[in-house]
Protein backbone atom coordinates (compact mmCIF):
# COMPACT_ATOMS: atom_id res chain seq x y z
CA MET A 1 136.94 52.17 340.19
CA ASN A 2 138.24 49.08 338.41
CA ALA A 3 140.22 46.54 340.39
CA PRO A 4 143.98 46.41 339.74
CA VAL A 5 145.22 43.69 337.39
CA LEU A 6 148.16 41.57 338.56
CA LEU A 7 150.29 39.82 335.92
CA PHE A 8 152.75 37.12 337.07
CA ALA A 9 155.54 35.95 334.78
CA TYR A 10 158.65 33.79 334.87
CA LYS A 11 160.30 32.22 331.81
CA ARG A 12 157.73 31.78 329.03
CA PRO A 13 158.19 34.64 326.56
CA VAL A 14 156.06 33.11 323.80
CA GLU A 15 153.04 32.51 326.02
CA LEU A 16 153.59 35.81 327.84
CA LYS A 17 153.48 37.78 324.59
CA ALA A 18 150.06 36.30 323.79
CA THR A 19 148.89 37.00 327.35
CA ILE A 20 149.97 40.64 327.16
CA GLN A 21 148.40 41.22 323.75
CA ALA A 22 145.09 39.78 324.92
CA LEU A 23 145.08 41.88 328.09
CA GLN A 24 145.87 45.01 326.09
CA ALA A 25 142.87 44.23 323.87
CA ASN A 26 140.49 44.22 326.85
CA TYR A 27 137.88 46.96 326.72
CA LEU A 28 138.80 48.13 330.22
CA ALA A 29 142.60 47.97 329.87
CA PRO A 30 143.04 51.77 329.46
CA GLN A 31 141.04 52.31 332.67
CA SER A 32 142.92 49.65 334.68
CA ASP A 33 146.13 49.73 336.74
CA LEU A 34 148.56 46.91 335.94
CA TYR A 35 150.96 45.40 338.48
CA ILE A 36 153.65 43.17 336.98
CA PHE A 37 155.60 40.60 338.98
CA ALA A 38 158.45 38.62 337.43
CA ASP A 39 160.33 35.90 339.31
CA ALA A 40 164.09 35.47 338.93
CA PRO A 41 165.56 32.36 337.27
CA LYS A 42 165.88 29.30 339.48
CA ARG A 43 168.66 27.72 337.39
CA PRO A 44 171.28 29.21 335.04
CA ASP A 45 169.54 27.50 332.11
CA ASP A 46 166.42 29.55 332.85
CA ALA A 47 168.21 32.91 332.65
CA PRO A 48 167.95 33.56 328.88
CA LYS A 49 164.17 33.05 328.79
CA ALA A 50 163.69 34.99 332.02
CA ALA A 51 165.61 37.87 330.42
CA GLN A 52 163.37 37.73 327.34
CA VAL A 53 160.35 37.86 329.63
CA ARG A 54 161.62 41.00 331.37
CA GLN A 55 162.29 42.67 328.06
CA LEU A 56 158.68 42.02 327.03
CA LEU A 57 157.44 43.34 330.35
CA ASP A 58 159.55 46.49 330.02
CA GLU A 59 157.72 47.29 326.78
CA VAL A 60 154.14 46.85 328.05
CA THR A 61 151.82 49.80 327.43
CA GLY A 62 148.08 50.35 327.18
CA PHE A 63 147.04 50.57 330.85
CA ARG A 64 146.20 53.54 333.08
CA SER A 65 149.36 52.90 335.10
CA ILE A 66 152.00 50.16 335.15
CA HIS A 67 153.98 49.04 338.20
CA ARG A 68 156.83 46.55 337.79
CA ASP A 69 158.38 44.31 340.44
CA TYR A 70 161.27 42.12 339.29
CA ALA A 71 162.62 39.66 341.88
CA GLU A 72 166.38 39.62 342.39
CA ASN A 73 166.36 35.99 343.56
CA ASN A 74 164.06 33.11 342.71
CA ILE A 75 161.02 33.11 344.96
CA GLY A 76 159.12 30.17 343.53
CA CYS A 77 155.71 29.91 341.93
CA ALA A 78 153.48 29.82 345.01
CA ASP A 79 155.41 32.29 347.17
CA SER A 80 155.77 34.73 344.27
CA ILE A 81 152.02 34.88 343.77
CA ILE A 82 151.23 35.07 347.48
CA ARG A 83 153.80 37.86 347.93
CA GLY A 84 152.50 39.88 344.97
CA ILE A 85 148.85 39.64 345.93
CA ASN A 86 149.65 40.50 349.56
CA ARG A 87 151.51 43.60 348.41
CA VAL A 88 148.72 44.94 346.19
CA LEU A 89 145.97 44.16 348.69
CA GLU A 90 147.70 46.40 351.21
CA GLU A 91 146.43 49.30 349.09
CA HIS A 92 143.38 47.87 347.30
CA SER A 93 140.23 46.04 348.36
CA SER A 94 140.28 43.53 345.50
CA VAL A 95 142.53 42.18 342.75
CA ILE A 96 142.31 40.51 339.35
CA VAL A 97 145.05 37.94 338.76
CA VAL A 98 146.47 36.62 335.47
CA GLU A 99 149.50 34.38 334.98
CA ASP A 100 151.74 34.26 331.92
CA ASP A 101 149.87 31.43 330.20
CA ILE A 102 146.37 32.91 330.11
CA VAL A 103 144.75 34.45 327.04
CA THR A 104 141.78 36.60 327.96
CA ALA A 105 138.71 37.59 325.97
CA PRO A 106 138.20 41.36 325.44
CA ASN A 107 135.38 41.30 328.01
CA PHE A 108 137.39 39.46 330.70
CA LEU A 109 138.00 42.60 332.78
CA ASP A 110 134.34 43.60 332.44
CA PHE A 111 133.22 40.24 333.84
CA MET A 112 135.79 40.33 336.66
CA ASN A 113 134.97 43.86 337.78
CA GLN A 114 131.22 43.31 337.65
CA GLY A 115 131.55 40.08 339.64
CA LEU A 116 133.71 41.81 342.24
CA ALA A 117 131.17 44.61 342.59
CA GLN A 118 128.17 42.27 342.64
CA TYR A 119 129.45 40.01 345.43
CA ALA A 120 131.77 42.30 347.40
CA LYS A 121 129.55 42.07 350.49
CA THR A 122 128.61 38.41 350.00
CA ARG A 123 131.33 36.64 351.98
CA ARG A 124 130.26 33.21 350.74
CA VAL A 125 131.53 34.11 347.25
CA TYR A 126 135.22 33.48 347.74
CA SER A 127 136.49 34.25 344.24
CA VAL A 128 135.45 35.09 340.69
CA SER A 129 136.68 32.82 337.90
CA GLY A 130 137.23 33.83 334.30
CA TYR A 131 137.50 30.21 333.15
CA THR A 132 134.89 27.56 332.57
CA LEU A 133 134.78 24.28 330.74
CA PRO A 134 132.57 24.34 327.62
CA PHE A 135 129.41 23.11 329.33
CA GLN A 136 126.17 23.34 327.39
CA ARG A 137 124.00 26.03 328.92
CA PRO A 138 120.65 24.64 330.17
CA ALA A 139 117.51 25.85 328.44
CA GLY A 140 116.00 28.75 330.33
CA TYR A 141 119.12 29.46 332.38
CA SER A 142 119.03 33.26 332.69
CA SER A 143 122.25 34.11 334.52
CA ASP A 144 125.62 34.64 332.86
CA ALA A 145 127.32 32.94 335.82
CA TYR A 146 127.08 29.91 338.08
CA PHE A 147 128.44 28.81 341.48
CA ILE A 148 130.41 25.70 342.40
CA PRO A 149 132.64 24.69 345.36
CA ARG A 150 135.92 24.84 343.46
CA HIS A 151 138.40 27.65 342.88
CA SER A 152 139.96 28.18 339.44
CA PRO A 153 143.39 29.91 339.22
CA TRP A 154 143.20 30.64 335.48
CA GLY A 155 142.30 34.32 335.34
CA TRP A 156 140.45 35.07 338.57
CA ALA A 157 139.68 37.71 341.17
CA THR A 158 139.10 38.00 344.90
CA TRP A 159 138.71 40.46 347.75
CA ALA A 160 141.14 41.42 350.51
CA ASP A 161 138.98 40.02 353.31
CA ARG A 162 138.74 36.58 351.65
CA TRP A 163 142.44 36.48 350.77
CA ASN A 164 143.57 37.64 354.19
CA SER A 165 141.55 34.90 355.88
CA VAL A 166 143.67 32.14 354.30
CA ASP A 167 145.86 30.01 356.57
CA TRP A 168 148.78 29.34 354.24
CA ASP A 169 150.47 27.15 356.87
CA MET A 170 147.48 24.79 356.84
CA THR A 171 147.61 24.29 360.59
CA ASP A 172 144.59 21.96 360.65
CA TYR A 173 145.79 19.74 357.79
CA GLN A 174 146.71 16.76 360.00
CA ALA A 175 143.21 16.69 361.47
CA PHE A 176 141.66 17.04 358.02
CA ILE A 177 143.65 14.23 356.42
CA LYS A 178 142.42 11.83 359.12
CA ASP A 179 138.77 12.86 358.71
CA LYS A 180 137.12 10.96 355.84
CA GLN A 181 133.89 12.94 356.13
CA GLN A 182 135.70 16.23 355.72
CA GLN A 183 137.61 14.87 352.73
CA LYS A 184 134.36 13.71 351.14
CA ALA A 185 132.86 17.17 351.65
CA PHE A 186 135.94 18.85 350.14
CA MET A 187 135.63 16.64 347.07
CA GLN A 188 132.23 18.10 346.20
CA GLY A 189 134.31 20.26 343.87
CA GLY A 190 136.07 17.24 342.35
CA SER A 191 137.70 14.08 343.66
CA ASP A 192 141.12 15.38 342.56
CA LEU A 193 141.15 18.09 345.24
CA VAL A 194 142.32 15.91 348.14
CA GLY A 195 145.11 14.44 346.02
CA MET A 196 146.33 17.88 345.01
CA LEU A 197 146.24 19.05 348.62
CA ARG A 198 148.18 15.99 349.73
CA ASP A 199 150.79 16.61 347.00
CA GLN A 200 151.24 20.16 348.27
CA MET A 201 151.50 19.23 351.93
CA GLU A 202 153.87 16.31 351.30
CA GLY A 203 156.24 18.42 349.21
CA ARG A 204 155.48 17.09 345.73
CA ALA A 205 153.99 20.38 344.51
CA ASP A 206 154.55 24.13 344.93
CA ALA A 207 151.03 25.50 344.72
CA TRP A 208 149.10 28.31 346.33
CA ASP A 209 145.74 27.63 344.67
CA ILE A 210 144.90 24.30 346.33
CA ARG A 211 145.49 25.92 349.72
CA PHE A 212 143.27 28.83 348.73
CA CYS A 213 140.64 26.32 347.59
CA TYR A 214 140.89 24.42 350.88
CA ASN A 215 140.38 27.60 352.89
CA ARG A 216 137.40 28.41 350.68
CA PHE A 217 136.01 25.00 351.66
CA LYS A 218 136.55 25.66 355.39
CA GLU A 219 134.65 28.94 355.06
CA GLY A 220 131.79 27.27 353.17
CA GLY A 221 132.63 29.46 350.18
CA LEU A 222 131.85 29.16 346.50
CA THR A 223 133.48 30.45 343.32
CA VAL A 224 131.37 32.21 340.69
CA TYR A 225 132.12 31.12 337.11
CA PRO A 226 131.04 32.49 333.71
CA THR A 227 128.76 30.35 331.59
CA VAL A 228 131.04 31.16 328.63
CA SER A 229 134.78 31.20 329.30
CA LYS A 230 136.57 34.54 329.40
CA VAL A 231 140.00 32.87 329.40
CA GLN A 232 141.93 30.12 327.65
CA ASN A 233 144.97 28.43 329.21
CA ILE A 234 147.82 28.14 326.68
CA GLY A 235 150.41 26.95 329.19
CA PHE A 236 150.53 23.25 328.42
CA SER A 237 154.18 22.99 327.42
CA LYS A 238 157.54 21.79 328.70
CA ASP A 239 158.21 25.20 330.28
CA ALA A 240 155.07 25.07 332.41
CA THR A 241 155.47 24.64 336.16
CA HIS A 242 152.38 22.49 336.68
CA THR A 243 150.62 21.93 333.36
CA ASP A 244 153.05 20.12 331.08
CA ILE A 245 150.51 17.45 330.14
CA TYR A 246 147.97 17.25 327.36
CA ASN A 247 145.34 19.96 327.35
CA ARG A 248 142.12 18.40 328.61
CA TYR A 249 140.95 21.86 329.67
CA LYS A 250 140.54 23.50 326.27
CA THR A 251 137.41 25.61 326.15
CA ASN A 252 135.56 28.08 323.93
CA LEU A 253 136.74 31.66 324.44
CA ASP A 254 133.96 34.26 324.53
CA ASN A 255 133.97 36.29 321.31
CA SER A 256 130.50 37.78 321.75
CA GLY A 257 131.58 41.29 322.70
CA GLN A 258 129.07 41.22 325.56
CA ARG A 259 129.95 43.74 328.28
CA ASP A 260 126.99 43.77 330.67
CA PHE A 261 126.31 40.53 332.52
CA THR A 262 123.37 39.11 334.43
CA TRP A 263 124.14 37.90 337.95
CA SER A 264 122.11 35.84 340.40
CA ASP A 265 121.11 37.28 343.76
CA VAL A 266 120.84 33.74 345.13
CA VAL A 267 124.28 32.42 346.04
CA ASP A 268 124.19 28.61 346.16
CA ASN A 269 125.55 25.56 344.35
CA SER A 270 124.38 25.48 340.74
CA ASP A 271 123.35 21.82 340.65
CA TYR A 272 123.65 21.27 336.91
CA TYR A 273 127.06 22.91 336.66
CA GLN A 274 128.32 21.13 339.76
CA ARG A 275 127.35 17.76 338.28
CA GLN A 276 129.14 18.62 335.05
CA THR A 277 132.22 19.74 336.98
CA LEU A 278 132.30 16.56 339.04
CA ARG A 279 132.15 14.45 335.89
CA HIS A 280 135.18 16.23 334.51
CA TYR A 281 137.37 16.53 337.59
CA SER A 282 136.46 13.33 339.43
CA ILE A 283 138.81 10.93 337.71
CA PRO A 284 139.83 7.45 338.92
CA THR A 285 142.92 7.36 341.16
CA ARG A 286 144.89 5.28 338.66
CA ILE A 287 144.36 7.92 335.96
CA TYR A 288 145.18 10.77 338.37
CA ASN A 289 148.44 9.04 339.28
CA ARG A 290 149.22 8.44 335.61
CA LEU A 291 148.71 12.13 334.82
CA LYS A 292 151.06 13.04 337.66
CA THR A 293 153.67 10.68 336.23
CA LEU A 294 153.35 12.27 332.79
CA ALA A 295 153.77 15.66 334.42
CA GLY A 296 156.91 14.56 336.24
CA ILE A 297 155.29 14.76 339.69
CA ARG A 298 156.22 11.98 342.10
């Protein structure tokens, strides 16, 4: 059985419309259950766009079943996603998650479901990503996926046992932030990870994904990525919660029509892809701080 698809929305009707249309065009959409979660407006100025979003969500068709959950009061980005995933994982063993700024390729759900099935019993695989940067594939590389120590929240999937192991309160954070060796190890997925975690824990961000990524690190987990991206993030606008800066993450969306994927039985860091990832995400502190300033994060 295909994993349920969770769609989270807030106040971006233009981006959401593109997200819905792309999901509906997925080969497996008619055989998939869709769970929709919409947060309530935080400010009166947000109400008109939030209303447009709910109207779009009311009109969604094309899935085996559709379940809608509209919040009466604003929950917030991180808590809304945590709440929604918790709810669905009470009844299902895995989930596929898409937010309202993600355009998926038609084979996105194929890749997600096959990855979930392939690594369901391999606890070291913490999540399945639909996104990848446009890295050149090495000659002779036979798999359609690779592993790195970094979670991606842009169209992804996970299992109930991995999700339920997360300590959202981050009870060991104070010990971690004093341990330079642990911080160095965490940054094997990119030198920006510690800064993002610090922003979350010091109240400058409202994010679930960096906490999920940290718990992946504590478990020694990896995320499996496609060699060709199955998603494109279109959320770099003034209405975005976290991504209102220039799009340095643009990639090439898979248009191959491929539906059967080759997976590796050996779960370990993919050295080439990890080096490429580190080059992209390990940016100097002065540039990281400048990007935060542009994004309005203090």
